[in-house]
């Protein structure tokens, strides 16, 4: 997070981070959030698949949150 924001906080002499150069209108913070939600979705789906009961899964999710 600090790395991605540092390009906007400090003068960089016109340099931008590599991801912004490769993918316009994007920066590492956006990539990190996307990876977080992707992995979170995989783990929640795995948790649902391993539970025998949808009610138990919902109860466990409620206590987790």
PDB file of N, CA and C in Angstrom:
ATOM      1  N   UNK A   1       0.825  -1.178   0.000  1.00  0.00           N
ATOM      2  CA  UNK A   1       0.000   0.000   0.000  1.00  0.00           C
ATOM      3  C   UNK A   1       0.871   1.244   0.000  1.00  0.00           C
ATOM      4  N   UNK A   2       1.897   1.253   0.796  1.00  0.00           N
ATOM      5  CA  UNK A   2       2.788   2.411   0.845  1.00  0.00           C
ATOM      6  C   UNK A   2       3.479   2.574  -0.507  1.00  0.00           C
ATOM      7  N   UNK A   3       3.898   1.469  -1.087  1.00  0.00           N
ATOM      8  CA  UNK A   3       4.585   1.540  -2.379  1.00  0.00           C
ATOM      9  C   UNK A   3       3.696   2.168  -3.445  1.00  0.00           C
ATOM     10  N   UNK A   4       2.477   1.698  -3.564  1.00  0.00           N
ATOM     11  CA  UNK A   4       1.578   2.216  -4.587  1.00  0.00           C
ATOM     12  C   UNK A   4       1.230   3.674  -4.399  1.00  0.00           C
ATOM     13  N   UNK A   5       1.029   4.088  -3.159  1.00  0.00           N
ATOM     14  CA  UNK A   5       0.672   5.481  -2.890  1.00  0.00           C
ATOM     15  C   UNK A   5       1.872   6.412  -2.964  1.00  0.00           C
ATOM     16  N   UNK A   6       3.069   5.882  -2.813  1.00  0.00           N
ATOM     17  CA  UNK A   6       4.250   6.744  -2.812  1.00  0.00           C
ATOM     18  C   UNK A   6       4.432   7.464  -4.135  1.00  0.00           C
ATOM     19  N   UNK A   7       3.972   6.869  -5.223  1.00  0.00           N
ATOM     20  CA  UNK A   7       4.104   7.508  -6.531  1.00  0.00           C
ATOM     21  C   UNK A   7       3.195   8.730  -6.656  1.00  0.00           C
ATOM     22  N   UNK A   8       2.157   8.793  -5.845  1.00  0.00           N
ATOM     23  CA  UNK A   8       1.233   9.923  -5.885  1.00  0.00           C
ATOM     24  C   UNK A   8       1.558  10.960  -4.811  1.00  0.00           C
ATOM     25  N   UNK A   9       2.248  10.552  -3.762  1.00  0.00           N
ATOM     26  CA  UNK A   9       2.565  11.457  -2.663  1.00  0.00           C
ATOM     27  C   UNK A   9       3.847  12.242  -2.950  1.00  0.00           C
ATOM     28  N   UNK A  10       4.867  11.563  -3.454  1.00  0.00           N
ATOM     29  CA  UNK A  10       6.173  12.189  -3.658  1.00  0.00           C
ATOM     30  C   UNK A  10       6.421  12.436  -5.141  1.00  0.00           C
ATOM     31  N   UNK A  11       7.228  13.422  -5.418  1.00  0.00           N
ATOM     32  CA  UNK A  11       7.608  13.675  -6.798  1.00  0.00           C
ATOM     33  C   UNK A  11       8.525  12.554  -7.260  1.00  0.00           C
ATOM     34  N   UNK A  12       8.244  11.999  -8.422  1.00  0.00           N
ATOM     35  CA  UNK A  12       9.030  10.869  -8.920  1.00  0.00           C
ATOM     36  C   UNK A  12       9.759  11.209 -10.206  1.00  0.00           C
ATOM     37  N   UNK A  13       9.750  12.456 -10.586  1.00  0.00           N
ATOM     38  CA  UNK A  13      10.435  12.840 -11.814  1.00  0.00           C
ATOM     39  C   UNK A  13       9.752  12.310 -13.055  1.00  0.00           C
ATOM     40  N   UNK A  14       8.455  12.116 -12.991  1.00  0.00           N
ATOM     41  CA  UNK A  14       7.704  11.631 -14.142  1.00  0.00           C
ATOM     42  C   UNK A  14       7.586  10.121 -14.232  1.00  0.00           C
ATOM     43  N   UNK A  15       8.248   9.407 -13.319  1.00  0.00           N
ATOM     44  CA  UNK A  15       8.162   7.956 -13.334  1.00  0.00           C
ATOM     45  C   UNK A  15       6.882   7.506 -12.638  1.00  0.00           C
ATOM     46  N   UNK A  16       6.316   6.453 -13.147  1.00  0.00           N
ATOM     47  CA  UNK A  16       5.152   5.857 -12.493  1.00  0.00           C
ATOM     48  C   UNK A  16       5.471   4.396 -12.222  1.00  0.00           C
ATOM     49  N   UNK A  17       4.680   3.780 -11.378  1.00  0.00           N
ATOM     50  CA  UNK A  17       4.947   2.388 -11.048  1.00  0.00           C
ATOM     51  C   UNK A  17       4.716   1.496 -12.264  1.00  0.00           C
ATOM     52  N   UNK A  18       5.330   0.338 -12.259  1.00  0.00           N
ATOM     53  CA  UNK A  18       5.317  -0.559 -13.405  1.00  0.00           C
ATOM     54  C   UNK A  18       3.902  -0.960 -13.808  1.00  0.00           C
ATOM     55  N   UNK A  19       3.059  -1.275 -12.827  1.00  0.00           N
ATOM     56  CA  UNK A  19       1.704  -1.713 -13.161  1.00  0.00           C
ATOM     57  C   UNK A  19       0.927  -0.620 -13.886  1.00  0.00           C
ATOM     58  N   UNK A  20       1.102   0.630 -13.472  1.00  0.00           N
ATOM     59  CA  UNK A  20       0.413   1.735 -14.138  1.00  0.00           C
ATOM     60  C   UNK A  20       0.904   1.876 -15.569  1.00  0.00           C
ATOM     61  N   UNK A  21       2.153   1.585 -15.820  1.00  0.00           N
ATOM     62  CA  UNK A  21       2.684   1.638 -17.176  1.00  0.00           C
ATOM     63  C   UNK A  21       2.106   0.522 -18.034  1.00  0.00           C
ATOM     64  N   UNK A  22       1.901  -0.647 -17.444  1.00  0.00           N
ATOM     65  CA  UNK A  22       1.387  -1.792 -18.200  1.00  0.00           C
ATOM     66  C   UNK A  22      -0.123  -1.742 -18.377  1.00  0.00           C
ATOM     67  N   UNK A  23      -0.839  -1.336 -17.336  1.00  0.00           N
ATOM     68  CA  UNK A  23      -2.300  -1.283 -17.357  1.00  0.00           C
ATOM     69  C   UNK A  23      -2.709   0.136 -17.018  1.00  0.00           C
ATOM     70  N   UNK A  24      -3.191   0.869 -17.983  1.00  0.00           N
ATOM     71  CA  UNK A  24      -3.544   2.263 -17.750  1.00  0.00           C
ATOM     72  C   UNK A  24      -4.661   2.389 -16.722  1.00  0.00           C
ATOM     73  N   UNK A  25      -4.630   3.469 -15.960  1.00  0.00           N
ATOM     74  CA  UNK A  25      -5.640   3.789 -14.944  1.00  0.00           C
ATOM     75  C   UNK A  25      -5.746   2.699 -13.886  1.00  0.00           C
ATOM     76  N   UNK A  26      -4.627   2.184 -13.464  1.00  0.00           N
ATOM     77  CA  UNK A  26      -4.604   1.140 -12.456  1.00  0.00           C
ATOM     78  C   UNK A  26      -3.327   1.296 -11.648  1.00  0.00           C
ATOM     79  N   UNK A  27      -3.297   0.810 -10.440  1.00  0.00           N
ATOM     80  CA  UNK A  27      -2.067   0.811  -9.654  1.00  0.00           C
ATOM     81  C   UNK A  27      -2.069  -0.392  -8.729  1.00  0.00           C
ATOM     82  N   UNK A  28      -0.988  -0.607  -8.011  1.00  0.00           N
ATOM     83  CA  UNK A  28      -0.814  -1.834  -7.237  1.00  0.00           C
ATOM     84  C   UNK A  28      -1.878  -2.027  -6.167  1.00  0.00           C
ATOM     85  N   UNK A  29      -2.441  -0.947  -5.646  1.00  0.00           N
ATOM     86  CA  UNK A  29      -3.511  -1.077  -4.655  1.00  0.00           C
ATOM     87  C   UNK A  29      -4.727  -1.770  -5.234  1.00  0.00           C
ATOM     88  N   UNK A  30      -5.060  -1.431  -6.466  1.00  0.00           N
ATOM     89  CA  UNK A  30      -6.194  -2.069  -7.137  1.00  0.00           C
ATOM     90  C   UNK A  30      -5.918  -3.545  -7.355  1.00  0.00           C
ATOM     91  N   UNK A  31      -4.707  -3.867  -7.735  1.00  0.00           N
ATOM     92  CA  UNK A  31      -4.328  -5.268  -7.928  1.00  0.00           C
ATOM     93  C   UNK A  31      -4.414  -6.035  -6.608  1.00  0.00           C
ATOM     94  N   UNK A  32      -3.933  -5.441  -5.529  1.00  0.00           N
ATOM     95  CA  UNK A  32      -3.966  -6.096  -4.218  1.00  0.00           C
ATOM     96  C   UNK A  32      -5.400  -6.374  -3.768  1.00  0.00           C
ATOM     97  N   UNK A  33      -6.304  -5.419  -3.983  1.00  0.00           N
ATOM     98  CA  UNK A  33      -7.710  -5.617  -3.608  1.00  0.00           C
ATOM     99  C   UNK A  33      -8.319  -6.737  -4.445  1.00  0.00           C
ATOM    100  N   UNK A  34      -8.018  -6.770  -5.735  1.00  0.00           N
ATOM    101  CA  UNK A  34      -8.530  -7.832  -6.600  1.00  0.00           C
ATOM    102  C   UNK A  34      -8.051  -9.208  -6.177  1.00  0.00           C
ATOM    103  N   UNK A  35      -6.778  -9.322  -5.833  1.00  0.00           N
ATOM    104  CA  UNK A  35      -6.220 -10.602  -5.375  1.00  0.00           C
ATOM    105  C   UNK A  35      -6.858 -11.011  -4.049  1.00  0.00           C
ATOM    106  N   UNK A  36      -7.057 -10.042  -3.145  1.00  0.00           N
ATOM    107  CA  UNK A  36      -7.695 -10.336  -1.865  1.00  0.00           C
ATOM    108  C   UNK A  36      -9.093 -10.922  -2.064  1.00  0.00           C
ATOM    109  N   UNK A  37      -9.914 -10.276  -2.893  1.00  0.00           N
ATOM    110  CA  UNK A  37     -11.277 -10.764  -3.101  1.00  0.00           C
ATOM    111  C   UNK A  37     -11.295 -12.104  -3.827  1.00  0.00           C
ATOM    112  N   UNK A  38     -10.362 -12.321  -4.745  1.00  0.00           N
ATOM    113  CA  UNK A  38     -10.268 -13.597  -5.438  1.00  0.00           C
ATOM    114  C   UNK A  38      -9.972 -14.729  -4.457  1.00  0.00           C
ATOM    115  N   UNK A  39      -8.942 -14.539  -3.625  1.00  0.00           N
ATOM    116  CA  UNK A  39      -8.578 -15.569  -2.650  1.00  0.00           C
ATOM    117  C   UNK A  39      -9.668 -15.760  -1.599  1.00  0.00           C
ATOM    118  N   UNK A  40     -10.280 -14.671  -1.182  1.00  0.00           N
ATOM    119  CA  UNK A  40     -11.372 -14.762  -0.214  1.00  0.00           C
ATOM    120  C   UNK A  40     -12.523 -15.589  -0.783  1.00  0.00           C
ATOM    121  N   UNK A  41     -12.856 -15.351  -2.033  1.00  0.00           N
ATOM    122  CA  UNK A  41     -13.929 -16.116  -2.673  1.00  0.00           C
ATOM    123  C   UNK A  41     -13.613 -17.595  -2.757  1.00  0.00           C
ATOM    124  N   UNK A  42     -12.370 -17.922  -3.058  1.00  0.00           N
ATOM    125  CA  UNK A  42     -11.960 -19.330  -3.109  1.00  0.00           C
ATOM    126  C   UNK A  42     -12.097 -19.976  -1.734  1.00  0.00           C
ATOM    127  N   UNK A  43     -11.648 -19.297  -0.695  1.00  0.00           N
ATOM    128  CA  UNK A  43     -11.702 -19.870   0.653  1.00  0.00           C
ATOM    129  C   UNK A  43     -13.132 -20.017   1.170  1.00  0.00           C
ATOM    130  N   UNK A  44     -13.988 -19.048   0.893  1.00  0.00           N
ATOM    131  CA  UNK A  44     -15.381 -19.144   1.318  1.00  0.00           C
ATOM    132  C   UNK A  44     -16.081 -20.280   0.571  1.00  0.00           C
ATOM    133  N   UNK A  45     -15.806 -20.412  -0.719  1.00  0.00           N
ATOM    134  CA  UNK A  45     -16.397 -21.505  -1.501  1.00  0.00           C
ATOM    135  C   UNK A  45     -15.923 -22.861  -0.984  1.00  0.00           C
ATOM    136  N   UNK A  46     -14.640 -22.965  -0.638  1.00  0.00           N
ATOM    137  CA  UNK A  46     -14.120 -24.210  -0.081  1.00  0.00           C
ATOM    138  C   UNK A  46     -14.798 -24.529   1.248  1.00  0.00           C
ATOM    139  N   UNK A  47     -14.980 -23.520   2.073  1.00  0.00           N
ATOM    140  CA  UNK A  47     -15.650 -23.724   3.352  1.00  0.00           C
ATOM    141  C   UNK A  47     -17.075 -24.229   3.140  1.00  0.00           C
ATOM    142  N   UNK A  48     -17.762 -23.663   2.165  1.00  0.00           N
ATOM    143  CA  UNK A  48     -19.133 -24.098   1.874  1.00  0.00           C
ATOM    144  C   UNK A  48     -19.142 -25.541   1.366  1.00  0.00           C
ATOM    145  N   UNK A  49     -18.192 -25.874   0.514  1.00  0.00           N
ATOM    146  CA  UNK A  49     -18.142 -27.228  -0.054  1.00  0.00           C
ATOM    147  C   UNK A  49     -17.830 -28.279   1.007  1.00  0.00           C
ATOM    148  N   UNK A  50     -17.069 -27.924   2.034  1.00  0.00           N
ATOM    149  CA  UNK A  50     -16.687 -28.887   3.063  1.00  0.00           C
ATOM    150  C   UNK A  50     -17.748 -29.076   4.145  1.00  0.00           C
ATOM    151  N   UNK A  51     -18.717 -28.159   4.213  1.00  0.00           N
ATOM    152  CA  UNK A  51     -19.780 -28.282   5.217  1.00  0.00           C
ATOM    153  C   UNK A  51     -20.923 -29.122   4.671  1.00  0.00           C
ATOM    154  N   UNK A  52     -21.456 -29.980   5.536  1.00  0.00           N
ATOM    155  CA  UNK A  52     -22.553 -30.846   5.120  1.00  0.00           C
ATOM    156  C   UNK A  52     -23.883 -30.105   5.085  1.00  0.00           C
ATOM    157  N   UNK A  53     -24.013 -29.046   5.856  1.00  0.00           N
ATOM    158  CA  UNK A  53     -25.282 -28.368   6.005  1.00  0.00           C
ATOM    159  C   UNK A  53     -25.149 -26.879   5.646  1.00  0.00           C
ATOM    160  N   UNK A  54     -26.012 -26.375   4.755  1.00  0.00           N
ATOM    161  CA  UNK A  54     -25.988 -24.931   4.462  1.00  0.00           C
ATOM    162  C   UNK A  54     -26.282 -24.077   5.698  1.00  0.00           C
ATOM    163  N   UNK A  55     -27.136 -24.583   6.595  1.00  0.00           N
ATOM    164  CA  UNK A  55     -27.444 -23.836   7.817  1.00  0.00           C
ATOM    165  C   UNK A  55     -26.203 -23.716   8.705  1.00  0.00           C
ATOM    166  N   UNK A  56     -25.446 -24.802   8.812  1.00  0.00           N
ATOM    167  CA  UNK A  56     -24.214 -24.771   9.605  1.00  0.00           C
ATOM    168  C   UNK A  56     -23.203 -23.804   8.984  1.00  0.00           C
ATOM    169  N   UNK A  57     -23.108 -23.820   7.650  1.00  0.00           N
ATOM    170  CA  UNK A  57     -22.197 -22.895   6.967  1.00  0.00           C
ATOM    171  C   UNK A  57     -22.580 -21.450   7.269  1.00  0.00           C
ATOM    172  N   UNK A  58     -23.871 -21.110   7.172  1.00  0.00           N
ATOM    173  CA  UNK A  58     -24.316 -19.751   7.441  1.00  0.00           C
ATOM    174  C   UNK A  58     -24.061 -19.348   8.898  1.00  0.00           C
ATOM    175  N   UNK A  59     -24.285 -20.280   9.810  1.00  0.00           N
ATOM    176  CA  UNK A  59     -24.019 -20.017  11.218  1.00  0.00           C
ATOM    177  C   UNK A  59     -22.523 -19.755  11.453  1.00  0.00           C
ATOM    178  N   UNK A  60     -21.689 -20.569  10.850  1.00  0.00           N
ATOM    179  CA  UNK A  60     -20.253 -20.376  10.992  1.00  0.00           C
ATOM    180  C   UNK A  60     -19.794 -19.054  10.368  1.00  0.00           C
ATOM    181  N   UNK A  61     -20.379 -18.673   9.226  1.00  0.00           N
ATOM    182  CA  UNK A  61     -20.039 -17.390   8.588  1.00  0.00           C
ATOM    183  C   UNK A  61     -20.478 -16.230   9.471  1.00  0.00           C
ATOM    184  N   UNK A  62     -21.651 -16.352  10.079  1.00  0.00           N
ATOM    185  CA  UNK A  62     -22.154 -15.279  10.942  1.00  0.00           C
ATOM    186  C   UNK A  62     -21.221 -15.081  12.141  1.00  0.00           C
ATOM    187  N   UNK A  63     -20.752 -16.173  12.733  1.00  0.00           N
ATOM    188  CA  UNK A  63     -19.842 -16.054  13.870  1.00  0.00           C
ATOM    189  C   UNK A  63     -18.472 -15.556  13.422  1.00  0.00           C
ATOM    190  N   UNK A  64     -18.076 -15.888  12.222  1.00  0.00           N
ATOM    191  CA  UNK A  64     -16.774 -15.436  11.694  1.00  0.00           C
ATOM    192  C   UNK A  64     -16.784 -13.923  11.473  1.00  0.00           C
ATOM    193  N   UNK A  65     -17.873 -13.410  10.959  1.00  0.00           N
ATOM    194  CA  UNK A  65     -17.976 -11.979  10.685  1.00  0.00           C
ATOM    195  C   UNK A  65     -18.184 -11.241  11.986  1.00  0.00           C
TER     196      UNK A  65
END
